[in-house]
Amino acid sequence: MTQDATITRKASDTADDSDIVLAAHNITVGFEDNIVLENLSLDIRRGEILGFVGASGAGKSVLLRTVLGLTKKRSGTIKIFGLDVDKASEVERMRLDMRLGVLFQHGALFSALTVLENVQVPMREYLDLPKRLMDELALLKVELVGLPRDAAQKFPSELSGGMIKRAALARALALDPDIVFLDEPTSGLDPIGAADFDELVAKLRDTMGLTVYMVTHDLDSLFAVCDRIAVLGKKRVLIEGTIEDMLASEEPWVKSYFRGKRARQIDLAARG
């Protein structure tokens, strides 16, 4: 990949503790006798796009759901914006939830609701706004993710795969969050659509000051938009760092994934 084809990354290698917006430490998650994550630790820095990658079934989505409070952990601590989520009051947790946006795999839109109504779901849950204002705000989010205004009145069944992803992203942005969690955001998209979505995510990060946690298998996304990458394996984070760190790693799975037969061949010197 040439430098022109790569979306500019933000410098994040000088971050200190004050830049850490999400800290998951010594996380263990299991289901009956099956331990999926064990003493896993991961920090996410303010303003970065972190790519989280690992083999299928390794536990990437389990960690995401654990961070969001959808899956119970057996041990460990999760702090978001310095708040220990286990010790948060109901009011603190509600305020925290409003600062988080989530795009679930496959979009997870409500089929019986229009795009506009889907985007308004978080607004109805957390805010008390007049319908006209909610309509205007939802339309702004629809346009923000690159959808035409008339898409707002369509149902998910009337949308293409790429439009569903964008509609789901609009819903994730409904409350102007500080962190956005993306679960396989480019899965099912053709290469052009996936590249456009990556570019959109990078643009939104820069314009809205977002921090992005992206679970992905997409090598193009990892190369193009991620500031750092964390690799999950053996129930923990095997390695984290830049794409250059991934390419230099001799960890067997990391080496196979980033330098194997199907890995991208890029000219690091050309990328600068």
C-alpha atoms as a PDB file:
ATOM      1  CA  MET A   1       0.000   0.000   0.000  1.00  0.00           C
ATOM      2  CA  THR A   2       1.334   3.425  -0.892  1.00  0.00           C
ATOM      3  CA  GLN A   3       1.334   6.362   1.434  1.00  0.00           C
ATOM      4  CA  ASP A   4      -1.411   8.082  -0.594  1.00  0.00           C
ATOM      5  CA  ALA A   5      -3.684   5.066  -0.221  1.00  0.00           C
ATOM      6  CA  THR A   6      -3.284   4.897   3.533  1.00  0.00           C
ATOM      7  CA  ILE A   7      -5.510   6.998   5.758  1.00  0.00           C
ATOM      8  CA  THR A   8      -3.383   9.209   7.981  1.00  0.00           C
ATOM      9  CA  ARG A   9      -2.976   7.901  11.496  1.00  0.00           C
ATOM     10  CA  LYS A  10      -2.849   9.880  14.730  1.00  0.00           C
ATOM     11  CA  ALA A  11       0.329   9.734  16.774  1.00  0.00           C
ATOM     12  CA  SER A  12      -0.418   7.745  19.931  1.00  0.00           C
ATOM     13  CA  ASP A  13       2.884   6.291  21.028  1.00  0.00           C
ATOM     14  CA  THR A  14       3.529   9.155  23.437  1.00  0.00           C
ATOM     15  CA  ALA A  15       0.370   8.598  25.477  1.00  0.00           C
ATOM     16  CA  ASP A  16       0.603   8.577  29.282  1.00  0.00           C
ATOM     17  CA  ASP A  17      -1.850   7.364  31.916  1.00  0.00           C
ATOM     18  CA  SER A  18      -3.990  10.486  31.553  1.00  0.00           C
ATOM     19  CA  ASP A  19      -4.687   9.480  27.931  1.00  0.00           C
ATOM     20  CA  ILE A  20      -6.130   6.088  28.876  1.00  0.00           C
ATOM     21  CA  VAL A  21      -9.910   6.215  28.563  1.00  0.00           C
ATOM     22  CA  LEU A  22     -10.577   2.491  28.969  1.00  0.00           C
ATOM     23  CA  ALA A  23      -8.536   0.204  31.177  1.00  0.00           C
ATOM     24  CA  ALA A  24      -9.387  -3.491  31.403  1.00  0.00           C
ATOM     25  CA  HIS A  25      -7.041  -5.257  33.810  1.00  0.00           C
ATOM     26  CA  ASN A  26      -6.725  -8.936  34.754  1.00  0.00           C
ATOM     27  CA  ILE A  27     -10.039  -9.840  33.128  1.00  0.00           C
ATOM     28  CA  THR A  28     -11.157 -13.450  33.410  1.00  0.00           C
ATOM     29  CA  VAL A  29     -14.359 -14.597  31.710  1.00  0.00           C
ATOM     30  CA  GLY A  30     -15.692 -18.118  31.501  1.00  0.00           C
ATOM     31  CA  PHE A  31     -18.818 -20.100  30.779  1.00  0.00           C
ATOM     32  CA  GLU A  32     -19.168 -23.053  33.138  1.00  0.00           C
ATOM     33  CA  ASP A  33     -15.861 -24.938  32.803  1.00  0.00           C
ATOM     34  CA  ASN A  34     -14.729 -23.087  29.677  1.00  0.00           C
ATOM     35  CA  ILE A  35     -12.373 -20.171  30.417  1.00  0.00           C
ATOM     36  CA  VAL A  36     -12.421 -17.825  27.416  1.00  0.00           C
ATOM     37  CA  LEU A  37     -10.323 -14.957  28.768  1.00  0.00           C
ATOM     38  CA  GLU A  38      -7.805 -15.272  31.588  1.00  0.00           C
ATOM     39  CA  ASN A  39      -5.998 -12.375  33.293  1.00  0.00           C
ATOM     40  CA  LEU A  40      -6.324 -10.289  30.140  1.00  0.00           C
ATOM     41  CA  SER A  41      -5.275  -6.636  30.281  1.00  0.00           C
ATOM     42  CA  LEU A  42      -5.794  -3.935  27.671  1.00  0.00           C
ATOM     43  CA  ASP A  43      -5.703  -0.128  27.687  1.00  0.00           C
ATOM     44  CA  ILE A  44      -7.294   2.121  25.080  1.00  0.00           C
ATOM     45  CA  ARG A  45      -5.995   5.647  24.557  1.00  0.00           C
ATOM     46  CA  ARG A  46      -7.935   8.794  23.939  1.00  0.00           C
ATOM     47  CA  GLY A  47      -8.464   9.600  20.258  1.00  0.00           C
ATOM     48  CA  GLU A  48      -6.997   6.402  18.848  1.00  0.00           C
ATOM     49  CA  ILE A  49      -8.455   3.738  16.613  1.00  0.00           C
ATOM     50  CA  LEU A  50      -7.534   0.433  18.203  1.00  0.00           C
ATOM     51  CA  GLY A  51      -7.878  -2.689  16.097  1.00  0.00           C
ATOM     52  CA  PHE A  52      -8.601  -5.829  18.115  1.00  0.00           C
ATOM     53  CA  VAL A  53      -7.837  -9.007  16.235  1.00  0.00           C
ATOM     54  CA  GLY A  54      -7.555 -12.719  16.924  1.00  0.00           C
ATOM     55  CA  ALA A  55      -8.529 -16.141  15.656  1.00  0.00           C
ATOM     56  CA  SER A  56     -12.211 -16.974  15.283  1.00  0.00           C
ATOM     57  CA  GLY A  57     -13.584 -18.110  18.635  1.00  0.00           C
ATOM     58  CA  ALA A  58     -10.688 -16.605  20.580  1.00  0.00           C
ATOM     59  CA  GLY A  59     -12.971 -14.301  22.548  1.00  0.00           C
ATOM     60  CA  LYS A  60     -12.863 -10.928  20.788  1.00  0.00           C
ATOM     61  CA  SER A  61     -16.603 -10.362  20.984  1.00  0.00           C
ATOM     62  CA  VAL A  62     -16.665 -11.806  24.511  1.00  0.00           C
ATOM     63  CA  LEU A  63     -14.281  -9.092  25.674  1.00  0.00           C
ATOM     64  CA  LEU A  64     -16.333  -6.435  23.898  1.00  0.00           C
ATOM     65  CA  ARG A  65     -19.525  -7.635  25.564  1.00  0.00           C
ATOM     66  CA  THR A  66     -17.747  -7.817  28.926  1.00  0.00           C
ATOM     67  CA  VAL A  67     -16.541  -4.225  28.639  1.00  0.00           C
ATOM     68  CA  LEU A  68     -20.096  -3.166  27.796  1.00  0.00           C
ATOM     69  CA  GLY A  69     -21.482  -5.046  30.788  1.00  0.00           C
ATOM     70  CA  LEU A  70     -23.396  -7.540  28.657  1.00  0.00           C
ATOM     71  CA  THR A  71     -21.288 -10.517  29.748  1.00  0.00           C
ATOM     72  CA  LYS A  72     -20.329 -11.077  33.376  1.00  0.00           C
ATOM     73  CA  LYS A  73     -16.661 -11.415  34.229  1.00  0.00           C
ATOM     74  CA  ARG A  74     -15.287 -13.663  36.943  1.00  0.00           C
ATOM     75  CA  SER A  75     -12.519 -11.306  38.017  1.00  0.00           C
ATOM     76  CA  GLY A  76     -10.638  -8.182  37.064  1.00  0.00           C
ATOM     77  CA  THR A  77     -11.436  -4.481  36.848  1.00  0.00           C
ATOM     78  CA  ILE A  78     -12.780  -2.305  34.054  1.00  0.00           C
ATOM     79  CA  LYS A  79     -12.413   1.445  34.300  1.00  0.00           C
ATOM     80  CA  ILE A  80     -13.879   3.788  31.705  1.00  0.00           C
ATOM     81  CA  PHE A  81     -12.912   7.457  31.986  1.00  0.00           C
ATOM     82  CA  GLY A  82     -11.438   6.521  35.372  1.00  0.00           C
ATOM     83  CA  LEU A  83     -14.723   5.132  36.704  1.00  0.00           C
ATOM     84  CA  ASP A  84     -14.675   1.571  38.012  1.00  0.00           C
ATOM     85  CA  VAL A  85     -17.839   0.223  36.407  1.00  0.00           C
ATOM     86  CA  ASP A  86     -18.362  -2.331  39.195  1.00  0.00           C
ATOM     87  CA  LYS A  87     -18.490   0.439  41.784  1.00  0.00           C
ATOM     88  CA  ALA A  88     -20.521   2.914  39.753  1.00  0.00           C
ATOM     89  CA  SER A  89     -23.891   4.049  41.025  1.00  0.00           C
ATOM     90  CA  GLU A  90     -26.953   3.691  38.823  1.00  0.00           C
ATOM     91  CA  VAL A  91     -26.761   7.375  37.879  1.00  0.00           C
ATOM     92  CA  GLU A  92     -23.025   7.155  37.122  1.00  0.00           C
ATOM     93  CA  ARG A  93     -23.577   4.072  34.986  1.00  0.00           C
ATOM     94  CA  MET A  94     -26.340   5.778  33.022  1.00  0.00           C
ATOM     95  CA  ARG A  95     -24.137   8.802  32.366  1.00  0.00           C
ATOM     96  CA  LEU A  96     -21.330   6.494  31.308  1.00  0.00           C
ATOM     97  CA  ASP A  97     -23.581   4.536  28.952  1.00  0.00           C
ATOM     98  CA  MET A  98     -24.496   7.787  27.216  1.00  0.00           C
ATOM     99  CA  ARG A  99     -20.817   8.309  26.380  1.00  0.00           C
ATOM    100  CA  LEU A 100     -20.533   4.921  24.649  1.00  0.00           C
ATOM    101  CA  GLY A 101     -21.750   4.049  21.164  1.00  0.00           C
ATOM    102  CA  VAL A 102     -21.944   0.508  19.810  1.00  0.00           C
ATOM    103  CA  LEU A 103     -22.192  -0.918  16.307  1.00  0.00           C
ATOM    104  CA  PHE A 104     -22.935  -4.610  16.690  1.00  0.00           C
ATOM    105  CA  GLN A 105     -21.950  -7.167  14.069  1.00  0.00           C
ATOM    106  CA  HIS A 106     -24.395  -7.225  11.126  1.00  0.00           C
ATOM    107  CA  GLY A 107     -25.854  -3.894  12.290  1.00  0.00           C
ATOM    108  CA  ALA A 108     -28.535  -5.354  14.596  1.00  0.00           C
ATOM    109  CA  LEU A 109     -31.133  -2.845  13.441  1.00  0.00           C
ATOM    110  CA  PHE A 110     -34.737  -3.323  14.522  1.00  0.00           C
ATOM    111  CA  SER A 111     -36.490  -4.651  11.426  1.00  0.00           C
ATOM    112  CA  ALA A 112     -39.886  -3.150  12.312  1.00  0.00           C
ATOM    113  CA  LEU A 113     -38.455   0.369  12.681  1.00  0.00           C
ATOM    114  CA  THR A 114     -37.370   2.796   9.986  1.00  0.00           C
ATOM    115  CA  VAL A 115     -33.774   4.012   9.886  1.00  0.00           C
ATOM    116  CA  LEU A 116     -34.886   7.251  11.543  1.00  0.00           C
ATOM    117  CA  GLU A 117     -36.645   5.349  14.315  1.00  0.00           C
ATOM    118  CA  ASN A 118     -33.640   3.061  14.807  1.00  0.00           C
ATOM    119  CA  VAL A 119     -31.351   6.069  15.245  1.00  0.00           C
ATOM    120  CA  GLN A 120     -33.796   7.512  17.761  1.00  0.00           C
ATOM    121  CA  VAL A 121     -33.781   4.418  20.008  1.00  0.00           C
ATOM    122  CA  PRO A 122     -30.918   5.676  22.254  1.00  0.00           C
ATOM    123  CA  MET A 123     -32.478   9.141  22.325  1.00  0.00           C
ATOM    124  CA  ARG A 124     -35.786   7.732  23.561  1.00  0.00           C
ATOM    125  CA  GLU A 125     -34.014   5.633  26.179  1.00  0.00           C
ATOM    126  CA  TYR A 126     -31.833   8.355  27.687  1.00  0.00           C
ATOM    127  CA  LEU A 127     -33.286  11.729  26.692  1.00  0.00           C
ATOM    128  CA  ASP A 128     -36.611  13.518  26.982  1.00  0.00           C
ATOM    129  CA  LEU A 129     -36.884  15.475  23.736  1.00  0.00           C
ATOM    130  CA  PRO A 130     -39.758  16.707  21.595  1.00  0.00           C
ATOM    131  CA  LYS A 131     -40.426  14.511  18.563  1.00  0.00           C
ATOM    132  CA  ARG A 132     -39.574  17.291  16.118  1.00  0.00           C
ATOM    133  CA  LEU A 133     -36.161  17.839  17.706  1.00  0.00           C
ATOM    134  CA  MET A 134     -35.477  14.091  17.763  1.00  0.00           C
ATOM    135  CA  ASP A 135     -36.371  13.880  14.083  1.00  0.00           C
ATOM    136  CA  GLU A 136     -33.965  16.708  13.255  1.00  0.00           C
ATOM    137  CA  LEU A 137     -31.140  15.224  15.317  1.00  0.00           C
ATOM    138  CA  ALA A 138     -31.642  11.751  13.844  1.00  0.00           C
ATOM    139  CA  LEU A 139     -31.613  13.164  10.314  1.00  0.00           C
ATOM    140  CA  LEU A 140     -28.329  14.908  11.080  1.00  0.00           C
ATOM    141  CA  LYS A 141     -26.826  11.567  12.148  1.00  0.00           C
ATOM    142  CA  VAL A 142     -28.146   9.861   9.017  1.00  0.00           C
ATOM    143  CA  GLU A 143     -26.461  12.481   6.845  1.00  0.00           C
ATOM    144  CA  LEU A 144     -23.313  12.439   8.994  1.00  0.00           C
ATOM    145  CA  VAL A 145     -22.639   8.804   8.051  1.00  0.00           C
ATOM    146  CA  GLY A 146     -23.126   9.481   4.355  1.00  0.00           C
ATOM    147  CA  LEU A 147     -26.686   8.244   3.857  1.00  0.00           C
ATOM    148  CA  PRO A 148     -29.181  10.257   1.785  1.00  0.00           C
ATOM    149  CA  ARG A 149     -32.032  11.899   3.706  1.00  0.00           C
ATOM    150  CA  ASP A 150     -34.638   9.682   2.053  1.00  0.00           C
ATOM    151  CA  ALA A 151     -32.941   6.618   3.578  1.00  0.00           C
ATOM    152  CA  ALA A 152     -34.262   7.764   6.956  1.00  0.00           C
ATOM    153  CA  GLN A 153     -37.779   6.614   6.054  1.00  0.00           C
ATOM    154  CA  LYS A 154     -36.719   3.186   4.792  1.00  0.00           C
ATOM    155  CA  PHE A 155     -36.796  -0.077   6.698  1.00  0.00           C
ATOM    156  CA  PRO A 156     -33.661  -2.238   7.104  1.00  0.00           C
ATOM    157  CA  SER A 157     -35.024  -4.740   4.573  1.00  0.00           C
ATOM    158  CA  GLU A 158     -34.916  -1.990   1.941  1.00  0.00           C
ATOM    159  CA  LEU A 159     -31.240  -1.207   2.500  1.00  0.00           C
ATOM    160  CA  SER A 160     -28.053  -2.643   1.029  1.00  0.00           C
ATOM    161  CA  GLY A 161     -25.464  -4.185   3.332  1.00  0.00           C
ATOM    162  CA  GLY A 162     -23.357  -1.052   3.247  1.00  0.00           C
ATOM    163  CA  MET A 163     -26.333   1.157   4.042  1.00  0.00           C
ATOM    164  CA  ILE A 164     -27.250  -1.066   7.003  1.00  0.00           C
ATOM    165  CA  LYS A 165     -23.747  -0.623   8.413  1.00  0.00           C
ATOM    166  CA  ARG A 166     -23.997   3.150   8.050  1.00  0.00           C
ATOM    167  CA  ALA A 167     -27.462   3.251   9.594  1.00  0.00           C
ATOM    168  CA  ALA A 168     -26.178   1.220  12.546  1.00  0.00           C
ATOM    169  CA  LEU A 169     -23.252   3.613  12.874  1.00  0.00           C
ATOM    170  CA  ALA A 170     -25.665   6.560  12.866  1.00  0.00           C
ATOM    171  CA  ARG A 171     -27.497   4.918  15.773  1.00  0.00           C
ATOM    172  CA  ALA A 172     -24.184   4.399  17.591  1.00  0.00           C
ATOM    173  CA  LEU A 173     -23.507   8.131  17.213  1.00  0.00           C
ATOM    174  CA  ALA A 174     -27.000   9.207  18.291  1.00  0.00           C
ATOM    175  CA  LEU A 175     -25.890  10.571  21.686  1.00  0.00           C
ATOM    176  CA  ASP A 176     -22.556  12.032  20.509  1.00  0.00           C
ATOM    177  CA  PRO A 177     -20.470   9.414  22.359  1.00  0.00           C
ATOM    178  CA  ASP A 178     -16.817   9.683  23.304  1.00  0.00           C
ATOM    179  CA  ILE A 179     -16.003   6.022  22.579  1.00  0.00           C
ATOM    180  CA  VAL A 180     -17.435   3.963  19.741  1.00  0.00           C
ATOM    181  CA  PHE A 181     -17.229   0.158  19.762  1.00  0.00           C
ATOM    182  CA  LEU A 182     -17.337  -1.456  16.317  1.00  0.00           C
ATOM    183  CA  ASP A 183     -17.817  -5.221  16.033  1.00  0.00           C
ATOM    184  CA  GLU A 184     -16.649  -6.451  12.610  1.00  0.00           C
ATOM    185  CA  PRO A 185     -17.830  -3.236  10.905  1.00  0.00           C
ATOM    186  CA  THR A 186     -16.673  -4.177   7.391  1.00  0.00           C
ATOM    187  CA  SER A 187     -17.724  -7.840   7.373  1.00  0.00           C
ATOM    188  CA  GLY A 188     -19.932  -8.628   4.408  1.00  0.00           C
ATOM    189  CA  LEU A 189     -18.933  -5.499   2.493  1.00  0.00           C
ATOM    190  CA  ASP A 190     -17.185  -5.523  -0.872  1.00  0.00           C
ATOM    191  CA  PRO A 191     -13.634  -4.091  -0.930  1.00  0.00           C
ATOM    192  CA  ILE A 192     -14.763  -0.661  -2.156  1.00  0.00           C
ATOM    193  CA  GLY A 193     -17.554  -0.445   0.400  1.00  0.00           C
ATOM    194  CA  ALA A 194     -15.213  -1.583   3.176  1.00  0.00           C
ATOM    195  CA  ALA A 195     -12.599   1.013   2.204  1.00  0.00           C
ATOM    196  CA  ASP A 196     -15.264   3.736   2.167  1.00  0.00           C
ATOM    197  CA  PHE A 197     -16.431   2.667   5.621  1.00  0.00           C
ATOM    198  CA  ASP A 198     -12.857   2.747   6.957  1.00  0.00           C
ATOM    199  CA  GLU A 199     -12.444   6.249   5.575  1.00  0.00           C
ATOM    200  CA  LEU A 200     -15.717   7.304   7.199  1.00  0.00           C
ATOM    201  CA  VAL A 201     -14.607   5.967  10.586  1.00  0.00           C
ATOM    202  CA  ALA A 202     -11.300   7.819  10.350  1.00  0.00           C
ATOM    203  CA  LYS A 203     -13.063  11.037   9.337  1.00  0.00           C
ATOM    204  CA  LEU A 204     -15.537  10.791  12.215  1.00  0.00           C
ATOM    205  CA  ARG A 205     -12.706  10.104  14.651  1.00  0.00           C
ATOM    206  CA  ASP A 206     -10.961  13.276  13.544  1.00  0.00           C
ATOM    207  CA  THR A 207     -14.021  15.538  13.343  1.00  0.00           C
ATOM    208  CA  MET A 208     -15.825  14.301  16.480  1.00  0.00           C
ATOM    209  CA  GLY A 209     -12.791  13.499  18.621  1.00  0.00           C
ATOM    210  CA  LEU A 210     -13.856   9.881  18.991  1.00  0.00           C
ATOM    211  CA  THR A 211     -11.954   6.986  20.450  1.00  0.00           C
ATOM    212  CA  VAL A 212     -12.631   3.830  18.420  1.00  0.00           C
ATOM    213  CA  TYR A 213     -12.404   0.209  19.558  1.00  0.00           C
ATOM    214  CA  MET A 214     -12.684  -1.934  16.438  1.00  0.00           C
ATOM    215  CA  VAL A 215     -13.008  -5.708  16.527  1.00  0.00           C
ATOM    216  CA  THR A 216     -12.077  -6.843  13.033  1.00  0.00           C
ATOM    217  CA  HIS A 217     -10.652  -9.563  10.804  1.00  0.00           C
ATOM    218  CA  ASP A 218     -10.115  -7.101   7.969  1.00  0.00           C
ATOM    219  CA  LEU A 219      -6.411  -6.715   7.212  1.00  0.00           C
ATOM    220  CA  ASP A 220      -7.140  -3.684   5.042  1.00  0.00           C
ATOM    221  CA  SER A 221      -8.747  -1.914   8.018  1.00  0.00           C
ATOM    222  CA  LEU A 222      -5.814  -2.798  10.257  1.00  0.00           C
ATOM    223  CA  PHE A 223      -3.331  -1.409   7.766  1.00  0.00           C
ATOM    224  CA  ALA A 224      -5.334   1.643   6.744  1.00  0.00           C
ATOM    225  CA  VAL A 225      -6.899   3.207   9.824  1.00  0.00           C
ATOM    226  CA  CYS A 226      -5.726   1.614  13.063  1.00  0.00           C
ATOM    227  CA  ASP A 227      -3.242   3.532  15.195  1.00  0.00           C
ATOM    228  CA  ARG A 228      -2.562   0.462  17.300  1.00  0.00           C
ATOM    229  CA  ILE A 229      -3.458  -3.210  17.117  1.00  0.00           C
ATOM    230  CA  ALA A 230      -3.998  -5.683  19.963  1.00  0.00           C
ATOM    231  CA  VAL A 231      -3.856  -9.398  19.204  1.00  0.00           C
ATOM    232  CA  LEU A 232      -5.887 -11.832  21.282  1.00  0.00           C
ATOM    233  CA  GLY A 233      -4.575 -15.342  21.735  1.00  0.00           C
ATOM    234  CA  LYS A 234      -4.098 -17.910  24.485  1.00  0.00           C
ATOM    235  CA  LYS A 235      -6.915 -16.169  26.419  1.00  0.00           C
ATOM    236  CA  ARG A 236      -4.967 -12.900  26.725  1.00  0.00           C
ATOM    237  CA  VAL A 237      -3.442 -10.088  24.692  1.00  0.00           C
ATOM    238  CA  LEU A 238      -0.393 -11.604  23.018  1.00  0.00           C
ATOM    239  CA  ILE A 239       0.994  -8.365  21.631  1.00  0.00           C
ATOM    240  CA  GLU A 240      -0.088  -4.793  21.067  1.00  0.00           C
ATOM    241  CA  GLY A 241       1.490  -2.027  19.042  1.00  0.00           C
ATOM    242  CA  THR A 242       1.618  -0.467  15.599  1.00  0.00           C
ATOM    243  CA  ILE A 243       1.282  -2.311  12.315  1.00  0.00           C
ATOM    244  CA  GLU A 244       5.074  -2.208  12.112  1.00  0.00           C
ATOM    245  CA  ASP A 245       5.245  -4.030  15.443  1.00  0.00           C
ATOM    246  CA  MET A 246       2.878  -6.682  14.081  1.00  0.00           C
ATOM    247  CA  LEU A 247       4.995  -7.180  10.979  1.00  0.00           C
ATOM    248  CA  ALA A 248       8.149  -7.524  13.084  1.00  0.00           C
ATOM    249  CA  SER A 249       6.649  -9.994  15.563  1.00  0.00           C
ATOM    250  CA  GLU A 250       7.842 -13.595  15.626  1.00  0.00           C
ATOM    251  CA  GLU A 251       4.813 -14.785  17.629  1.00  0.00           C
ATOM    252  CA  PRO A 252       3.600 -17.692  15.418  1.00  0.00           C
ATOM    253  CA  TRP A 253      -0.050 -16.632  15.028  1.00  0.00           C
ATOM    254  CA  VAL A 254       0.833 -12.967  14.551  1.00  0.00           C
ATOM    255  CA  LYS A 255       3.483 -13.860  11.994  1.00  0.00           C
ATOM    256  CA  SER A 256       1.086 -16.118  10.087  1.00  0.00           C
ATOM    257  CA  TYR A 257      -1.694 -13.539  10.114  1.00  0.00           C
ATOM    258  CA  PHE A 258       0.286 -10.482   9.102  1.00  0.00           C
ATOM    259  CA  ARG A 259       3.050 -12.094   7.031  1.00  0.00           C
ATOM    260  CA  GLY A 260       1.430 -15.320   5.822  1.00  0.00           C
ATOM    261  CA  LYS A 261       0.304 -16.361   2.354  1.00  0.00           C
ATOM    262  CA  ARG A 262      -2.839 -14.215   2.394  1.00  0.00           C
ATOM    263  CA  ALA A 263      -1.311 -11.257   4.209  1.00  0.00           C
ATOM    264  CA  ARG A 264      -1.006  -7.921   2.485  1.00  0.00           C
ATOM    265  CA  GLN A 265       2.295  -7.133   0.857  1.00  0.00           C
ATOM    266  CA  ILE A 266       3.115  -3.502   1.495  1.00  0.00           C
ATOM    267  CA  ASP A 267       6.096  -1.246   1.093  1.00  0.00           C
ATOM    268  CA  LEU A 268       6.746   0.166   4.547  1.00  0.00           C
ATOM    269  CA  ALA A 269       9.323   2.561   3.188  1.00  0.00           C
ATOM    270  CA  ALA A 270       6.743   4.000   0.814  1.00  0.00           C
ATOM    271  CA  ARG A 271       4.290   4.457   3.686  1.00  0.00           C
ATOM    272  CA  GLY A 272       6.829   6.408   5.676  1.00  0.00           C
END
